[in-house]
Amino acid sequence: MLSINGKIALVTGASSGIGFAIAKHLSENGLKVVITGRRQGALDEAVQKLGNGVIGIVSDVTSQSSLNNLYAKIHEQFGQLDILVANAGGGEHAPLGQITEEQIDKQFSTNVKGVVFTLQEALPIFGESASVIIIGSSASIDPGATMSIYGGTKAAVRNMVRSWVSELKGKGIRINIVSPGPTNTDSLKEAFGENVEAGLAYLTDKSPIGRIGEPAEIASVVAFLASDSASYINGVELFVDGGASQI
């Protein structure tokens, strides 16, 4: 059991996939967990599956007012926030020559602006020794073909964190990035469309350990960075990808 029992955690974009796995792992380790998503139905279903007193609050990370409303509710109910997992994000594949303005705006709005405001608006309610974990992607250094915009947003997050670590000096807030590689989620499979089998075979072949990751594996790393066991880790980007981005 990690030393995070009884703390208050927020996981954004937690209705499914990696976010859901993170919320599950944290709640099973004794945290009081709040999850967010933009769709009430999906959020309600996730809360029911998670159990353990997990609370769902609809919120849009691209909206300051929506986030402020979220944090007001957390502050009213719990008094503070100890762990923030900025997981909400998404990407769209398009090669150079076919990239649209809408694709750029959507990805930067969620993956960059959303991360900025998710952290910034939480600052007033952080407890002592708060831990922030931002879910990045191995695409920040190895985006691959058709993923230039998505990879660009994740590289932007890395550089923002480098600045924030200095800006928050002395405030007791640690910020780290967990950057998963290809992970076995519905969104990954949907990205391949009708080419899902070939796509998964390519990723498996590329992996030095011969497989893609599982959401639970990402969740366990997040829980470690959230805990006091990682109390001297600050400002890192930890790649959880089986080594695929290093070759």
Protein backbone atom coordinates (compact mmCIF):
# COMPACT_ATOMS: atom_id res chain seq x y z
CA MET A 1 0.00 0.00 0.00
CA LEU A 2 1.44 3.35 -1.03
CA SER A 3 1.59 6.28 1.40
CA ILE A 4 -1.37 8.12 -0.13
CA ASN A 5 -4.23 6.72 1.94
CA GLY A 6 -6.89 9.30 2.86
CA LYS A 7 -5.72 12.00 0.47
CA ILE A 8 -8.02 13.83 -1.95
CA ALA A 9 -7.36 13.22 -5.64
CA LEU A 10 -8.83 14.58 -8.86
CA VAL A 11 -8.47 12.75 -12.17
CA THR A 12 -9.63 14.57 -15.29
CA GLY A 13 -10.89 12.74 -18.35
CA ALA A 14 -11.50 9.63 -16.25
CA SER A 15 -14.64 8.19 -17.81
CA SER A 16 -12.62 5.57 -19.72
CA GLY A 17 -9.19 4.34 -20.73
CA ILE A 18 -6.08 5.40 -18.84
CA GLY A 19 -7.94 7.98 -16.75
CA PHE A 20 -10.42 5.36 -15.56
CA ALA A 21 -7.57 2.97 -14.66
CA ILE A 22 -5.81 5.72 -12.69
CA ALA A 23 -8.97 6.56 -10.74
CA LYS A 24 -9.51 2.86 -10.01
CA HIS A 25 -5.96 2.35 -8.76
CA LEU A 26 -6.02 5.45 -6.56
CA SER A 27 -9.39 4.61 -5.03
CA GLU A 28 -8.25 1.05 -4.31
CA ASN A 29 -5.26 2.54 -2.48
CA GLY A 30 -7.51 4.41 -0.09
CA LEU A 31 -7.79 7.84 -1.70
CA LYS A 32 -10.95 9.89 -1.93
CA VAL A 33 -11.23 10.30 -5.68
CA VAL A 34 -13.11 12.83 -7.79
CA ILE A 35 -13.31 12.18 -11.53
CA THR A 36 -14.38 14.50 -14.32
CA GLY A 37 -15.51 14.19 -17.90
CA ARG A 38 -17.62 16.21 -20.30
CA ARG A 39 -20.44 13.68 -20.76
CA GLN A 40 -22.75 13.07 -17.82
CA GLY A 41 -23.86 9.61 -18.95
CA ALA A 42 -20.33 8.27 -19.40
CA LEU A 43 -19.26 9.83 -16.11
CA ASP A 44 -22.17 8.28 -14.21
CA GLU A 45 -21.36 4.87 -15.68
CA ALA A 46 -17.69 5.21 -14.66
CA VAL A 47 -18.62 6.20 -11.10
CA GLN A 48 -20.88 3.18 -10.81
CA LYS A 49 -18.14 0.84 -12.03
CA LEU A 50 -15.49 2.37 -9.78
CA GLY A 51 -17.45 2.31 -6.53
CA ASN A 52 -15.35 3.03 -3.41
CA GLY A 53 -17.12 6.36 -2.94
CA VAL A 54 -15.71 7.87 -6.13
CA ILE A 55 -17.45 11.14 -7.01
CA GLY A 56 -18.12 12.34 -10.57
CA ILE A 57 -18.43 16.00 -11.53
CA VAL A 58 -19.01 17.08 -15.12
CA SER A 59 -16.35 19.55 -16.24
CA ASP A 60 -14.68 20.83 -19.40
CA VAL A 61 -10.93 21.42 -19.02
CA THR A 62 -10.92 23.92 -21.88
CA SER A 63 -13.19 26.28 -19.89
CA GLN A 64 -11.89 28.32 -16.95
CA SER A 65 -15.38 28.87 -15.58
CA SER A 66 -16.14 25.14 -15.72
CA LEU A 67 -12.90 24.35 -13.88
CA ASN A 68 -13.53 27.03 -11.29
CA ASN A 69 -16.94 25.53 -10.62
CA LEU A 70 -15.32 22.09 -10.27
CA TYR A 71 -12.71 23.30 -7.78
CA ALA A 72 -15.30 25.24 -5.80
CA LYS A 73 -17.23 22.00 -5.31
CA ILE A 74 -14.10 20.09 -4.29
CA HIS A 75 -13.11 22.82 -1.83
CA GLU A 76 -16.62 22.93 -0.37
CA GLN A 77 -16.77 19.16 0.14
CA PHE A 78 -13.18 18.31 1.08
CA GLY A 79 -11.47 21.58 2.00
CA GLN A 80 -8.43 20.94 -0.19
CA LEU A 81 -6.92 18.93 -3.04
CA ASP A 82 -3.81 16.81 -2.52
CA ILE A 83 -3.30 15.05 -5.85
CA LEU A 84 -4.15 16.31 -9.32
CA VAL A 85 -3.93 14.02 -12.34
CA ALA A 86 -4.35 16.06 -15.53
CA ASN A 87 -5.28 13.23 -17.87
CA ALA A 88 -7.88 14.78 -20.20
CA GLY A 89 -6.59 15.00 -23.75
CA GLY A 90 -6.86 13.61 -27.21
CA GLY A 91 -5.34 13.47 -30.65
CA GLU A 92 -6.23 13.23 -34.32
CA HIS A 93 -4.10 11.72 -37.07
CA ALA A 94 -3.43 13.70 -40.25
CA PRO A 95 -0.40 13.95 -42.55
CA LEU A 96 1.12 17.26 -43.55
CA GLY A 97 -0.98 18.59 -46.39
CA GLN A 98 -4.24 17.40 -44.83
CA ILE A 99 -4.08 19.06 -41.40
CA THR A 100 -7.07 21.30 -40.73
CA GLU A 101 -7.42 24.41 -38.61
CA GLU A 102 -10.10 22.63 -36.58
CA GLN A 103 -7.74 19.76 -35.75
CA ILE A 104 -5.03 22.15 -34.57
CA ASP A 105 -7.41 24.24 -32.46
CA LYS A 106 -9.07 21.20 -30.87
CA GLN A 107 -5.84 19.48 -29.86
CA PHE A 108 -4.08 22.57 -28.55
CA SER A 109 -7.23 23.65 -26.70
CA THR A 110 -7.55 20.37 -24.81
CA ASN A 111 -3.94 19.21 -24.52
CA VAL A 112 -2.24 22.54 -23.85
CA LYS A 113 -4.76 25.16 -22.73
CA GLY A 114 -6.64 22.50 -20.81
CA VAL A 115 -3.54 21.49 -18.87
CA VAL A 116 -2.65 25.12 -18.11
CA PHE A 117 -6.03 25.92 -16.61
CA THR A 118 -6.47 22.55 -14.91
CA LEU A 119 -3.35 23.29 -12.88
CA GLN A 120 -3.66 27.06 -12.57
CA GLU A 121 -7.21 27.09 -11.24
CA ALA A 122 -6.36 24.34 -8.72
CA LEU A 123 -3.53 26.29 -7.06
CA PRO A 124 -5.69 28.02 -4.40
CA ILE A 125 -7.03 24.73 -3.01
CA PHE A 126 -3.87 22.61 -2.96
CA GLY A 127 -2.99 21.12 0.39
CA GLU A 128 0.51 20.83 1.80
CA SER A 129 2.93 18.80 -0.33
CA ALA A 130 0.56 18.50 -3.26
CA SER A 131 1.47 16.28 -6.18
CA VAL A 132 0.54 17.03 -9.80
CA ILE A 133 0.87 14.35 -12.45
CA ILE A 134 0.27 15.35 -16.05
CA ILE A 135 -0.39 12.57 -18.53
CA GLY A 136 1.78 13.25 -21.54
CA SER A 137 2.71 10.84 -24.32
CA SER A 138 5.80 9.23 -25.81
CA ALA A 139 4.71 11.21 -28.89
CA SER A 140 6.40 14.19 -27.23
CA ILE A 141 9.71 12.79 -28.51
CA ASP A 142 8.58 10.14 -31.01
CA PRO A 143 5.33 11.25 -32.66
CA GLY A 144 5.55 9.15 -35.78
CA ALA A 145 3.89 9.92 -39.10
CA THR A 146 0.52 11.77 -39.05
CA MET A 147 0.89 12.70 -35.36
CA SER A 148 2.80 15.98 -35.67
CA ILE A 149 0.16 18.16 -34.02
CA TYR A 150 -0.56 15.75 -31.19
CA GLY A 151 3.16 15.28 -30.58
CA GLY A 152 3.61 19.04 -30.64
CA THR A 153 1.02 19.53 -27.91
CA LYS A 154 2.72 16.97 -25.69
CA ALA A 155 6.15 18.52 -26.25
CA ALA A 156 4.63 21.88 -25.28
CA VAL A 157 3.44 20.41 -21.99
CA ARG A 158 6.97 19.20 -21.19
CA ASN A 159 8.35 22.70 -21.62
CA MET A 160 5.56 24.29 -19.60
CA VAL A 161 6.35 21.95 -16.71
CA ARG A 162 10.02 22.92 -16.84
CA SER A 163 8.99 26.52 -16.31
CA TRP A 164 6.34 25.78 -13.67
CA VAL A 165 8.76 23.82 -11.51
CA SER A 166 10.81 27.02 -11.12
CA GLU A 167 7.78 29.26 -10.69
CA LEU A 168 6.36 27.09 -7.88
CA LYS A 169 9.62 26.89 -5.94
CA GLY A 170 8.97 26.88 -2.20
CA LYS A 171 5.24 26.14 -2.47
CA GLY A 172 5.54 22.41 -1.78
CA ILE A 173 3.95 21.41 -5.10
CA ARG A 174 5.61 18.70 -7.16
CA ILE A 175 4.82 18.41 -10.89
CA ASN A 176 5.77 15.39 -12.97
CA ILE A 177 4.76 14.01 -16.36
CA VAL A 178 3.92 10.40 -17.08
CA SER A 179 4.21 9.76 -20.82
CA PRO A 180 2.66 6.46 -21.88
CA GLY A 181 3.50 4.71 -25.11
CA PRO A 182 0.83 2.80 -27.06
CA THR A 183 -1.65 1.50 -24.50
CA ASN A 184 -4.46 -1.01 -24.84
CA THR A 185 -7.46 1.33 -24.83
CA ASP A 186 -10.55 1.69 -26.97
CA SER A 187 -9.33 5.08 -28.20
CA LEU A 188 -6.11 3.54 -29.55
CA LYS A 189 -8.05 0.89 -31.46
CA GLU A 190 -10.51 3.46 -32.78
CA ALA A 191 -7.62 5.57 -34.09
CA PHE A 192 -6.61 2.71 -36.40
CA GLY A 193 -10.15 2.28 -37.70
CA GLU A 194 -10.43 -0.68 -40.07
CA ASN A 195 -6.64 -1.16 -39.89
CA VAL A 196 -6.66 -1.99 -36.18
CA GLU A 197 -5.07 -5.44 -36.49
CA ALA A 198 -2.22 -4.21 -38.67
CA GLY A 199 -1.75 -1.17 -36.43
CA LEU A 200 -1.51 -3.21 -33.24
CA ALA A 201 0.84 -5.67 -34.92
CA TYR A 202 3.14 -2.79 -35.93
CA LEU A 203 3.20 -1.39 -32.38
CA THR A 204 3.83 -4.82 -30.91
CA ASP A 205 6.71 -5.40 -33.29
CA LYS A 206 8.21 -2.00 -32.46
CA SER A 207 8.15 -2.66 -28.72
CA PRO A 208 11.42 -3.93 -27.19
CA ILE A 209 9.37 -6.04 -24.77
CA GLY A 210 7.06 -7.35 -27.47
CA ARG A 211 3.73 -5.85 -26.49
CA ILE A 212 1.85 -2.60 -25.90
CA GLY A 213 1.04 -1.36 -22.42
CA GLU A 214 -2.01 -1.86 -20.24
CA PRO A 215 -3.86 1.03 -18.56
CA ALA A 216 -3.21 -0.50 -15.12
CA GLU A 217 0.53 -0.26 -15.74
CA ILE A 218 0.26 3.47 -16.34
CA ALA A 219 -1.95 3.84 -13.27
CA SER A 220 0.59 2.20 -10.96
CA VAL A 221 3.29 4.67 -12.05
CA VAL A 222 0.94 7.61 -11.46
CA ALA A 223 0.14 6.32 -7.98
CA PHE A 224 3.85 6.06 -7.16
CA LEU A 225 4.52 9.65 -8.26
CA ALA A 226 1.50 10.81 -6.26
CA SER A 227 2.77 9.14 -3.09
CA ASP A 228 5.28 10.23 -0.49
CA SER A 229 7.59 7.53 -1.83
CA ALA A 230 8.29 9.96 -4.69
CA SER A 231 8.64 13.01 -2.47
CA TYR A 232 12.00 14.02 -4.00
CA ILE A 233 10.95 13.52 -7.62
CA ASN A 234 10.00 16.77 -9.30
CA GLY A 235 9.98 18.00 -12.90
CA VAL A 236 10.59 14.67 -14.64
CA GLU A 237 8.98 13.22 -17.74
CA LEU A 238 8.77 9.49 -17.11
CA PHE A 239 8.24 7.40 -20.24
CA VAL A 240 6.12 4.30 -19.62
CA ASP A 241 6.35 2.67 -23.01
CA GLY A 242 8.43 -0.48 -22.71
CA GLY A 243 11.37 1.39 -24.25
CA ALA A 244 9.70 1.88 -27.64
CA SER A 245 10.46 5.60 -27.86
CA GLN A 246 14.15 5.02 -27.17
CA ILE A 247 14.92 3.00 -30.31
